[in-house]
Protein backbone atom coordinates (compact mmCIF):
# COMPACT_ATOMS: atom_id res chain seq x y z
CA MET A 1 0.00 0.00 0.00
CA MET A 2 2.84 2.36 0.93
CA SER A 3 4.70 1.67 -2.31
CA MET A 4 1.57 2.67 -4.24
CA ALA A 5 1.30 5.86 -2.15
CA TYR A 6 4.93 6.72 -2.95
CA THR A 7 4.35 6.13 -6.65
CA VAL A 8 1.26 8.38 -6.72
CA LEU A 9 2.95 11.15 -4.74
CA GLU A 10 6.00 10.99 -7.01
CA SER A 11 3.72 11.40 -10.03
CA PHE A 12 2.61 14.72 -8.49
CA GLY A 13 6.14 16.08 -8.28
CA LEU A 14 7.51 14.71 -5.00
CA SER A 15 10.85 12.93 -4.86
CA ALA A 16 10.97 9.43 -3.42
CA GLU A 17 12.57 10.82 -0.24
CA GLU A 18 9.91 13.55 0.10
CA ALA A 19 7.09 11.05 -0.41
CA GLY A 20 8.64 8.74 2.20
CA LEU A 21 9.03 11.45 4.83
CA TYR A 22 5.57 12.89 4.22
CA THR A 23 3.90 9.50 4.70
CA GLU A 24 6.01 8.90 7.82
CA LEU A 25 4.87 12.26 9.25
CA LEU A 26 1.15 11.71 8.65
CA PRO A 27 0.50 9.39 11.63
CA LEU A 28 2.83 11.32 14.01
CA GLY A 29 0.89 14.56 14.37
CA ASP A 30 3.00 17.34 15.92
CA VAL A 31 6.51 16.02 16.44
CA PRO A 32 9.77 17.75 17.43
CA VAL A 33 12.30 17.69 14.62
CA ILE A 34 14.89 16.13 16.92
CA ASP A 35 12.51 13.23 17.61
CA LEU A 36 11.83 12.86 13.91
CA ILE A 37 15.55 12.57 13.24
CA LYS A 38 15.86 9.85 15.86
CA LEU A 39 12.80 8.03 14.51
CA THR A 40 13.94 8.04 10.88
CA GLN A 41 17.63 7.49 11.74
CA LYS A 42 18.58 9.82 8.90
CA HIS A 43 21.26 12.48 8.93
CA PRO A 44 19.92 15.80 10.32
CA GLN A 45 20.95 17.67 7.16
CA ILE A 46 18.85 15.30 5.05
CA ILE A 47 15.80 15.71 7.32
CA TYR A 48 16.08 19.52 7.38
CA ARG A 49 16.51 19.63 3.60
CA LEU A 50 13.43 17.44 3.05
CA LEU A 51 11.37 19.41 5.57
CA ASP A 52 12.27 22.69 3.84
CA SER A 53 11.31 21.21 0.47
CA LEU A 54 8.00 19.78 1.74
CA SER A 55 7.24 23.06 3.52
CA ALA A 56 7.80 24.98 0.26
CA LYS A 57 5.28 22.64 -1.38
CA GLY A 58 2.74 23.25 1.37
CA LEU A 59 2.92 19.71 2.73
CA VAL A 60 4.59 20.37 6.08
CA LEU A 61 3.68 22.91 8.77
CA THR A 62 6.26 24.13 11.29
CA GLU A 63 5.95 25.78 14.68
CA ILE A 64 8.44 26.91 17.36
CA ARG A 65 7.54 25.98 20.95
CA LYS A 66 9.89 26.74 23.81
CA HIS A 67 12.83 27.00 21.48
CA ARG A 68 12.04 23.64 19.88
CA LYS A 69 10.94 23.23 16.29
CA TYR A 70 7.85 21.08 15.76
CA VAL A 71 6.57 19.83 12.43
CA ARG A 72 3.48 18.04 11.22
CA ALA A 73 2.19 16.83 7.87
CA GLU A 74 -0.44 18.97 6.19
CA ASP A 75 -3.85 17.38 5.58
CA PRO A 76 -3.69 15.37 2.30
CA GLU A 77 -6.95 17.07 1.28
CA VAL A 78 -5.06 20.37 1.10
CA PHE A 79 -2.52 18.77 -1.25
CA LYS A 80 -5.37 17.44 -3.40
CA LYS A 81 -6.97 20.88 -3.66
CA SER A 82 -3.68 22.53 -4.59
CA GLN A 83 -3.18 20.01 -7.41
CA GLU A 84 -6.74 20.59 -8.62
CA GLN A 85 -6.09 24.34 -8.70
CA LYS A 86 -2.95 23.76 -10.78
CA LEU A 87 -4.92 21.57 -13.18
CA GLU A 88 -7.63 24.21 -13.57
CA ALA A 89 -4.98 26.86 -14.25
CA LEU A 90 -3.44 24.62 -16.92
CA LYS A 91 -6.85 24.02 -18.52
CA ALA A 92 -7.44 27.78 -18.68
CA LEU A 93 -4.05 28.25 -20.34
CA LEU A 94 -4.44 25.44 -22.89
CA PRO A 95 -6.07 27.54 -25.67
CA GLU A 96 -3.19 30.03 -25.49
CA LEU A 97 -0.58 27.27 -25.49
CA LYS A 98 -2.25 25.51 -28.43
CA ALA A 99 -2.28 28.78 -30.36
CA LEU A 100 1.50 29.01 -29.89
CA GLN A 101 2.09 25.42 -30.92
CA ASN A 102 3.89 24.78 -34.19
CA LYS A 103 1.52 22.24 -35.72
CA PRO A 104 3.34 19.58 -37.74
CA ARG A 105 2.25 19.19 -41.34
CA GLU A 106 2.93 15.50 -41.38
CA ALA A 107 0.87 13.00 -39.43
CA THR A 108 1.85 12.31 -35.85
CA VAL A 109 1.83 8.61 -34.98
CA ARG A 110 1.70 7.32 -31.40
CA VAL A 111 1.74 3.69 -30.34
CA ALA A 112 0.55 2.39 -26.97
CA ARG A 113 0.19 -1.14 -25.71
CA GLY A 114 -1.99 -2.86 -23.12
CA GLU A 115 -5.57 -2.91 -21.95
CA GLU A 116 -5.27 0.46 -20.22
CA ALA A 117 -4.32 2.01 -23.58
CA VAL A 118 -7.69 0.85 -24.97
CA ARG A 119 -9.56 2.38 -22.04
CA ASN A 120 -7.57 5.62 -22.22
CA LEU A 121 -8.30 5.94 -25.93
CA ARG A 122 -12.05 5.90 -25.36
CA ARG A 123 -11.76 8.39 -22.46
CA ARG A 124 -9.62 10.69 -24.58
CA ALA A 125 -12.05 10.62 -27.50
CA PHE A 126 -15.04 11.66 -25.41
CA ASP A 127 -13.02 14.35 -23.62
CA GLU A 128 -11.58 15.85 -26.80
CA LEU A 129 -14.63 15.80 -29.04
CA PRO A 130 -16.78 18.93 -28.87
CA GLU A 131 -20.22 18.64 -27.35
CA GLY A 132 -22.51 17.14 -29.99
CA GLY A 133 -19.55 15.67 -31.91
CA MET A 134 -19.40 12.33 -33.73
CA PHE A 135 -17.38 9.23 -32.84
CA TYR A 136 -16.97 6.59 -35.57
CA ILE A 137 -16.21 2.90 -35.11
CA LEU A 138 -15.23 0.84 -38.14
CA SER A 139 -15.24 -2.95 -37.74
CA ALA A 140 -16.30 -3.74 -34.19
CA SER A 141 -13.99 -5.88 -32.11
CA GLY A 142 -16.38 -8.52 -30.86
CA THR A 143 -16.45 -9.39 -27.17
CA ARG A 144 -12.77 -8.51 -26.65
CA PHE A 145 -13.51 -4.81 -26.31
CA TYR A 146 -16.18 -5.34 -23.65
CA GLU A 147 -13.92 -7.71 -21.71
CA ILE A 148 -11.19 -5.07 -21.60
CA MET A 149 -13.46 -2.15 -20.70
CA GLY A 150 -15.26 -4.07 -17.96
CA GLY A 151 -16.96 -1.88 -15.38
CA THR A 152 -15.34 1.31 -16.70
CA LEU A 153 -17.44 1.33 -19.87
CA ASP A 154 -20.69 2.39 -18.22
CA GLY A 155 -19.17 5.56 -16.74
CA ILE A 156 -17.40 6.44 -20.00
CA GLU A 157 -20.59 5.99 -22.02
CA LYS A 158 -22.60 8.09 -19.54
CA HIS A 159 -20.00 10.83 -19.96
CA ARG A 160 -20.41 10.59 -23.75
CA VAL A 161 -24.20 10.84 -23.56
CA LYS A 162 -23.97 13.75 -21.11
CA ARG A 163 -21.85 15.61 -23.66
CA LYS A 164 -24.31 14.64 -26.43
CA ILE A 165 -21.58 12.93 -28.45
CA ARG A 166 -23.10 10.63 -31.07
CA LYS A 167 -21.63 7.27 -31.96
CA ARG A 168 -21.83 5.52 -35.33
CA LEU A 169 -20.78 1.91 -35.34
CA LEU A 170 -20.18 -0.09 -38.50
CA ALA A 171 -19.90 -3.84 -37.82
CA PHE A 172 -20.42 -7.22 -39.44
CA GLU A 173 -23.71 -9.12 -39.56
CA SER A 174 -22.15 -11.85 -37.45
CA GLN A 175 -21.83 -9.33 -34.62
CA ARG A 176 -25.45 -8.11 -34.67
CA LYS A 177 -26.73 -10.12 -31.69
CA MET A 178 -23.70 -9.34 -29.57
CA LEU A 179 -23.92 -5.60 -30.23
CA GLU A 180 -27.68 -5.45 -29.69
CA LYS A 181 -27.03 -6.98 -26.28
CA ASN A 182 -24.16 -4.67 -25.28
CA GLU A 183 -24.83 -1.29 -26.93
CA LYS A 184 -27.77 -0.09 -24.82
CA TRP A 185 -26.85 3.59 -24.40
CA ASP A 186 -28.40 6.59 -26.15
CA LEU A 187 -27.11 8.43 -29.22
CA ILE A 188 -25.90 5.29 -31.00
CA GLU A 189 -26.50 4.23 -34.61
CA ILE A 190 -25.38 0.79 -35.78
CA ARG A 191 -25.27 -0.58 -39.30
CA TYR A 192 -23.99 -3.92 -40.54
CA LEU A 193 -21.87 -5.14 -43.43
CA PRO A 194 -22.46 -8.57 -44.98
CA GLU A 195 -18.99 -10.03 -44.37
CA SER A 196 -19.16 -12.73 -41.76
CA ASN A 197 -15.46 -13.13 -40.94
CA SER A 198 -14.16 -10.99 -38.09
CA VAL A 199 -10.89 -9.10 -38.40
CA PRO A 200 -8.18 -8.72 -35.75
CA SER A 201 -8.44 -4.93 -35.61
CA SER A 202 -10.93 -2.09 -35.41
CA THR A 203 -10.69 1.62 -36.17
CA ASN A 204 -11.97 4.62 -34.21
CA ILE A 205 -12.20 8.04 -35.85
CA PHE A 206 -12.73 11.26 -33.88
CA GLY A 207 -11.68 14.82 -34.56
CA ASN A 208 -8.32 14.69 -36.33
CA THR A 209 -7.41 11.29 -34.89
CA VAL A 210 -7.58 7.81 -36.40
CA ALA A 211 -6.95 5.05 -33.86
CA ILE A 212 -6.35 1.48 -34.99
CA GLN A 213 -6.72 -1.14 -32.28
CA ILE A 214 -5.13 -4.55 -32.87
CA TRP A 215 -6.77 -7.16 -30.67
CA LEU A 216 -3.85 -9.28 -29.55
CA SER A 217 -3.72 -10.81 -26.07
CA ASP A 218 -1.83 -7.60 -25.21
CA PRO A 219 -3.68 -5.12 -27.46
CA ILE A 220 -1.89 -2.46 -29.49
CA VAL A 221 -3.32 1.02 -30.11
CA ILE A 222 -1.90 3.02 -33.04
CA MET A 223 -3.03 6.66 -33.09
CA ILE A 224 -2.57 8.76 -36.22
CA GLU A 225 -3.16 12.49 -35.74
CA SER A 226 -3.72 14.24 -39.05
CA PRO A 227 -6.68 16.25 -40.40
CA GLU A 228 -6.12 14.81 -43.89
CA VAL A 229 -5.92 11.20 -42.74
CA ALA A 230 -8.91 11.59 -40.43
CA GLN A 231 -11.00 13.14 -43.21
CA SER A 232 -10.11 10.36 -45.65
CA TYR A 233 -11.22 7.75 -43.09
CA LYS A 234 -14.44 9.66 -42.45
CA ASP A 235 -15.13 9.73 -46.20
CA TYR A 236 -14.45 5.99 -46.44
CA PHE A 237 -16.68 5.35 -43.45
CA GLY A 238 -19.42 7.43 -45.05
CA SER A 239 -19.32 5.43 -48.27
CA LEU A 240 -19.59 2.13 -46.36
CA TRP A 241 -22.33 3.54 -44.14
CA LYS A 242 -24.54 4.18 -47.15
CA THR A 243 -24.32 0.57 -48.29
CA ALA A 244 -24.65 -1.07 -44.85
CA LYS A 245 -27.91 -2.38 -43.41
CA GLN A 246 -29.59 -1.24 -40.22
């Protein structure tokens, strides 16, 4: 449990030593620094350096009592709120940063691997698309997708519906029963192609992104970011959509 706490705290900008000392301080309440040094058995210079660093980050409070310095860990809720404030400030700055960005002319290709990459792709799509946008799925993946998404799918789909993002799904006739059972949310249109053989990949199209998912035991997600590529896939999808059956 502690190792997970260290990992999470490090992801928010703490060093391993800072994360360790902060978690050690939490159960101690107010403690004299001299006692903390004895408890941790670390060199005083190291403890004072870490305390100064944690204090600068708002994670340690200090107080002088009768010529003795006491410290205590700040409430983790305060740390959470400070990180949320930083995130909100970054969100407010994003339009300005994007305006400064030198957009590459060529397509940007990113590759991710693993089940979490599949879940993150779907989250990203519904976060990035504008309200009322369209999400395209070409060649559904069969039961593999639902196995990977598990209990996270319901929350992600509710987020999509809340943002009024529509979903068009183009699958094979052999997948009709399975999809009718699983795709129960609003704002979904499904059409079917006559081919009966499934393929080992599926394609998502949203905004300027084309994401190809290869359904290996350890799935691969290939994301291509390009307005031209995305538009060509949307045109191809549209031509197939016209010929597919409801």
